[in-house]
Amino acid sequence: MVFFRQQQNKLRELRRSPRFEVHYPAFFDPCDGSTLQSCMICDISSGGAKLTVTNPIDMPPEFLLLFQRRCRIVRRDDRQIGVMFLKG
């Protein structure tokens, strides 16, 4: 899989949306009645994410990704709020 292409001695990102490196603990639900499994979100974008899982071979082709972050409100306006993620 090629993510970068050489162009005029510069590397260019070929993904559609930028990715951001994160270290979010998360869970996935295989949606088959079994228990939730833990994983780590390593990077995330508007279109997808990279996960670290215990056994990638056993992952179902589709699943529900669940993650939660502790937040603090930094802005309130009309019916919207802005939040920042807290560490830990």
N, C-alpha and C. Protein backbone atom coordinates (compact mmCIF):
# COMPACT_ATOMS: atom_id res chain seq x y z
N MET A 1 0.85 -1.17 0.00
CA MET A 1 0.00 0.00 0.00
C MET A 1 0.89 1.23 0.00
N VAL A 2 0.70 2.12 -0.94
CA VAL A 2 1.52 3.32 -1.05
C VAL A 2 0.78 4.51 -0.47
N PHE A 3 1.38 5.17 0.50
CA PHE A 3 0.76 6.33 1.12
C PHE A 3 1.37 7.63 0.63
N PHE A 4 2.59 7.56 0.12
CA PHE A 4 3.27 8.76 -0.30
C PHE A 4 3.77 8.58 -1.73
N ARG A 5 3.84 9.63 -2.46
CA ARG A 5 4.36 9.61 -3.82
C ARG A 5 5.41 10.70 -3.94
N GLN A 6 6.53 10.37 -4.58
CA GLN A 6 7.59 11.34 -4.78
C GLN A 6 7.15 12.33 -5.85
N GLN A 7 7.26 13.61 -5.57
CA GLN A 7 6.89 14.63 -6.55
C GLN A 7 7.79 15.84 -6.31
N GLN A 8 8.66 16.11 -7.25
CA GLN A 8 9.59 17.23 -7.17
C GLN A 8 10.36 17.22 -5.85
N ASN A 9 10.91 16.06 -5.51
CA ASN A 9 11.71 15.87 -4.29
C ASN A 9 10.94 16.16 -3.01
N LYS A 10 9.62 16.13 -3.04
CA LYS A 10 8.81 16.31 -1.84
C LYS A 10 7.88 15.11 -1.70
N LEU A 11 7.59 14.74 -0.46
CA LEU A 11 6.63 13.67 -0.22
C LEU A 11 5.26 14.29 -0.03
N ARG A 12 4.26 13.66 -0.63
CA ARG A 12 2.90 14.19 -0.56
C ARG A 12 2.00 13.12 0.02
N GLU A 13 1.17 13.48 0.97
CA GLU A 13 0.20 12.58 1.59
C GLU A 13 -0.90 12.27 0.58
N LEU A 14 -1.21 10.98 0.41
CA LEU A 14 -2.24 10.57 -0.55
C LEU A 14 -3.58 10.26 0.09
N ARG A 15 -3.65 10.28 1.42
CA ARG A 15 -4.94 10.02 2.08
C ARG A 15 -5.86 11.20 1.85
N ARG A 16 -7.17 10.93 1.88
CA ARG A 16 -8.16 11.98 1.63
C ARG A 16 -8.28 12.98 2.76
N SER A 17 -8.08 12.55 3.99
CA SER A 17 -8.19 13.47 5.12
C SER A 17 -6.98 13.28 6.03
N PRO A 18 -6.53 14.34 6.66
CA PRO A 18 -5.34 14.23 7.50
C PRO A 18 -5.58 13.35 8.72
N ARG A 19 -4.54 12.66 9.12
CA ARG A 19 -4.60 11.81 10.31
C ARG A 19 -3.88 12.49 11.45
N PHE A 20 -4.37 12.22 12.65
CA PHE A 20 -3.79 12.80 13.86
C PHE A 20 -3.40 11.66 14.79
N GLU A 21 -2.16 11.67 15.21
CA GLU A 21 -1.69 10.63 16.13
C GLU A 21 -2.31 10.85 17.50
N VAL A 22 -2.89 9.80 18.03
CA VAL A 22 -3.53 9.84 19.35
C VAL A 22 -3.21 8.54 20.06
N HIS A 23 -3.53 8.47 21.31
CA HIS A 23 -3.41 7.23 22.08
C HIS A 23 -4.65 7.13 22.95
N TYR A 24 -5.78 6.83 22.29
CA TYR A 24 -7.07 6.74 22.98
C TYR A 24 -7.38 5.29 23.29
N PRO A 25 -7.59 4.95 24.56
CA PRO A 25 -8.11 3.61 24.85
C PRO A 25 -9.54 3.52 24.33
N ALA A 26 -9.89 2.37 23.79
CA ALA A 26 -11.22 2.19 23.21
C ALA A 26 -11.64 0.74 23.36
N PHE A 27 -12.86 0.48 22.93
CA PHE A 27 -13.40 -0.88 22.91
C PHE A 27 -14.05 -1.10 21.55
N PHE A 28 -14.14 -2.35 21.16
CA PHE A 28 -14.94 -2.67 19.97
C PHE A 28 -15.91 -3.77 20.33
N ASP A 29 -17.09 -3.65 19.74
CA ASP A 29 -18.16 -4.63 19.91
C ASP A 29 -18.23 -5.43 18.62
N PRO A 30 -17.93 -6.73 18.66
CA PRO A 30 -17.99 -7.54 17.45
C PRO A 30 -19.42 -7.70 16.89
N CYS A 31 -20.41 -7.26 17.67
CA CYS A 31 -21.82 -7.32 17.25
C CYS A 31 -22.29 -8.75 17.00
N ASP A 32 -21.71 -9.69 17.74
CA ASP A 32 -22.13 -11.09 17.60
C ASP A 32 -22.58 -11.67 18.94
N GLY A 33 -22.80 -10.80 19.92
CA GLY A 33 -23.24 -11.26 21.23
C GLY A 33 -22.09 -11.51 22.19
N SER A 34 -20.86 -11.47 21.72
CA SER A 34 -19.72 -11.68 22.62
C SER A 34 -19.38 -10.38 23.35
N THR A 35 -18.47 -10.48 24.30
CA THR A 35 -18.14 -9.32 25.13
C THR A 35 -17.32 -8.29 24.37
N LEU A 36 -17.33 -7.06 24.90
CA LEU A 36 -16.50 -6.00 24.33
C LEU A 36 -15.03 -6.36 24.47
N GLN A 37 -14.25 -5.97 23.51
CA GLN A 37 -12.81 -6.19 23.54
C GLN A 37 -12.10 -4.85 23.58
N SER A 38 -10.98 -4.76 24.26
CA SER A 38 -10.26 -3.50 24.33
C SER A 38 -9.31 -3.36 23.15
N CYS A 39 -9.01 -2.10 22.82
CA CYS A 39 -8.07 -1.79 21.77
C CYS A 39 -7.52 -0.39 22.03
N MET A 40 -6.60 0.06 21.21
CA MET A 40 -6.04 1.39 21.33
C MET A 40 -6.15 2.07 19.97
N ILE A 41 -6.70 3.28 19.95
CA ILE A 41 -6.74 4.07 18.71
C ILE A 41 -5.39 4.77 18.62
N CYS A 42 -4.64 4.47 17.56
CA CYS A 42 -3.29 5.03 17.38
C CYS A 42 -3.29 6.31 16.57
N ASP A 43 -4.12 6.36 15.55
CA ASP A 43 -4.33 7.60 14.82
C ASP A 43 -5.74 7.64 14.31
N ILE A 44 -6.22 8.85 14.01
CA ILE A 44 -7.62 9.03 13.66
C ILE A 44 -7.75 10.16 12.66
N SER A 45 -8.73 10.04 11.78
CA SER A 45 -9.06 11.09 10.82
C SER A 45 -10.57 11.11 10.67
N SER A 46 -11.06 11.99 9.83
CA SER A 46 -12.50 12.03 9.62
C SER A 46 -12.99 10.78 8.89
N GLY A 47 -12.11 10.07 8.23
CA GLY A 47 -12.52 8.91 7.45
C GLY A 47 -12.16 7.57 8.04
N GLY A 48 -11.34 7.53 9.08
CA GLY A 48 -10.94 6.24 9.62
C GLY A 48 -9.95 6.36 10.75
N ALA A 49 -9.42 5.22 11.16
CA ALA A 49 -8.49 5.19 12.28
C ALA A 49 -7.58 3.98 12.15
N LYS A 50 -6.48 4.03 12.86
CA LYS A 50 -5.60 2.87 12.98
C LYS A 50 -5.71 2.38 14.42
N LEU A 51 -5.97 1.09 14.59
CA LEU A 51 -6.17 0.50 15.91
C LEU A 51 -5.08 -0.51 16.21
N THR A 52 -4.71 -0.61 17.47
CA THR A 52 -3.88 -1.71 17.94
C THR A 52 -4.82 -2.65 18.68
N VAL A 53 -4.83 -3.92 18.25
CA VAL A 53 -5.71 -4.93 18.83
C VAL A 53 -4.87 -6.13 19.26
N THR A 54 -5.44 -6.95 20.12
CA THR A 54 -4.71 -8.12 20.63
C THR A 54 -4.44 -9.13 19.53
N ASN A 55 -5.46 -9.45 18.74
CA ASN A 55 -5.31 -10.46 17.71
C ASN A 55 -6.02 -10.03 16.43
N PRO A 56 -5.32 -9.38 15.51
CA PRO A 56 -5.97 -8.88 14.30
C PRO A 56 -6.60 -9.98 13.43
N ILE A 57 -6.08 -11.18 13.51
CA ILE A 57 -6.61 -12.29 12.71
C ILE A 57 -8.05 -12.61 13.11
N ASP A 58 -8.37 -12.48 14.39
CA ASP A 58 -9.70 -12.82 14.90
C ASP A 58 -10.72 -11.69 14.78
N MET A 59 -10.32 -10.56 14.24
CA MET A 59 -11.25 -9.42 14.11
C MET A 59 -12.31 -9.71 13.05
N PRO A 60 -13.58 -9.41 13.36
CA PRO A 60 -14.62 -9.56 12.34
C PRO A 60 -14.45 -8.46 11.28
N PRO A 61 -14.96 -8.67 10.08
CA PRO A 61 -14.81 -7.66 9.03
C PRO A 61 -15.48 -6.33 9.35
N GLU A 62 -16.54 -6.36 10.15
CA GLU A 62 -17.21 -5.14 10.59
C GLU A 62 -17.49 -5.23 12.08
N PHE A 63 -17.38 -4.10 12.76
CA PHE A 63 -17.61 -4.05 14.21
C PHE A 63 -17.95 -2.63 14.60
N LEU A 64 -18.37 -2.45 15.84
CA LEU A 64 -18.72 -1.14 16.37
C LEU A 64 -17.57 -0.67 17.25
N LEU A 65 -16.97 0.47 16.90
CA LEU A 65 -15.87 1.04 17.67
C LEU A 65 -16.43 2.01 18.70
N LEU A 66 -16.06 1.81 19.96
CA LEU A 66 -16.57 2.63 21.05
C LEU A 66 -15.39 3.26 21.79
N PHE A 67 -15.43 4.57 21.93
CA PHE A 67 -14.41 5.19 22.77
C PHE A 67 -15.01 6.38 23.48
N GLN A 68 -14.46 6.65 24.62
CA GLN A 68 -14.95 7.77 25.41
C GLN A 68 -13.76 8.56 25.89
N ARG A 69 -13.96 9.84 25.99
CA ARG A 69 -12.92 10.73 26.46
C ARG A 69 -13.50 11.64 27.52
N ARG A 70 -12.77 11.83 28.57
CA ARG A 70 -13.17 12.80 29.59
C ARG A 70 -12.96 14.18 29.00
N CYS A 71 -13.96 15.05 29.14
CA CYS A 71 -13.95 16.36 28.49
C CYS A 71 -14.21 17.48 29.49
N ARG A 72 -13.75 18.65 29.13
CA ARG A 72 -14.05 19.88 29.88
C ARG A 72 -14.64 20.88 28.90
N ILE A 73 -15.74 21.53 29.31
CA ILE A 73 -16.37 22.54 28.45
C ILE A 73 -15.48 23.78 28.44
N VAL A 74 -15.18 24.25 27.24
CA VAL A 74 -14.36 25.45 27.10
C VAL A 74 -15.13 26.59 26.44
N ARG A 75 -16.31 26.28 25.90
CA ARG A 75 -17.11 27.32 25.25
C ARG A 75 -18.57 26.89 25.27
N ARG A 76 -19.46 27.82 25.54
CA ARG A 76 -20.90 27.60 25.48
C ARG A 76 -21.50 28.67 24.59
N ASP A 77 -22.34 28.26 23.65
CA ASP A 77 -22.92 29.22 22.71
C ASP A 77 -24.22 28.64 22.18
N ASP A 78 -25.31 29.37 22.33
CA ASP A 78 -26.62 28.87 21.90
C ASP A 78 -26.83 27.46 22.41
N ARG A 79 -27.00 26.52 21.49
CA ARG A 79 -27.21 25.12 21.87
C ARG A 79 -25.98 24.27 21.60
N GLN A 80 -24.83 24.89 21.50
CA GLN A 80 -23.59 24.15 21.23
C GLN A 80 -22.58 24.41 22.33
N ILE A 81 -21.70 23.44 22.50
CA ILE A 81 -20.59 23.61 23.43
C ILE A 81 -19.31 23.19 22.72
N GLY A 82 -18.20 23.78 23.13
CA GLY A 82 -16.88 23.34 22.69
C GLY A 82 -16.23 22.64 23.86
N VAL A 83 -15.57 21.54 23.59
CA VAL A 83 -14.91 20.80 24.66
C VAL A 83 -13.46 20.54 24.31
N MET A 84 -12.67 20.37 25.35
CA MET A 84 -11.30 19.90 25.14
C MET A 84 -11.17 18.56 25.85
N PHE A 85 -10.40 17.68 25.24
CA PHE A 85 -10.16 16.37 25.84
C PHE A 85 -9.17 16.52 26.98
N LEU A 86 -9.45 15.87 28.10
CA LEU A 86 -8.56 15.85 29.24
C LEU A 86 -7.73 14.58 29.20
N LYS A 87 -6.52 14.66 29.65
CA LYS A 87 -5.65 13.48 29.67
C LYS A 87 -6.00 12.64 30.87
N GLY A 88 -5.95 11.33 30.66
CA GLY A 88 -6.18 10.41 31.78
C GLY A 88 -7.57 10.07 32.05
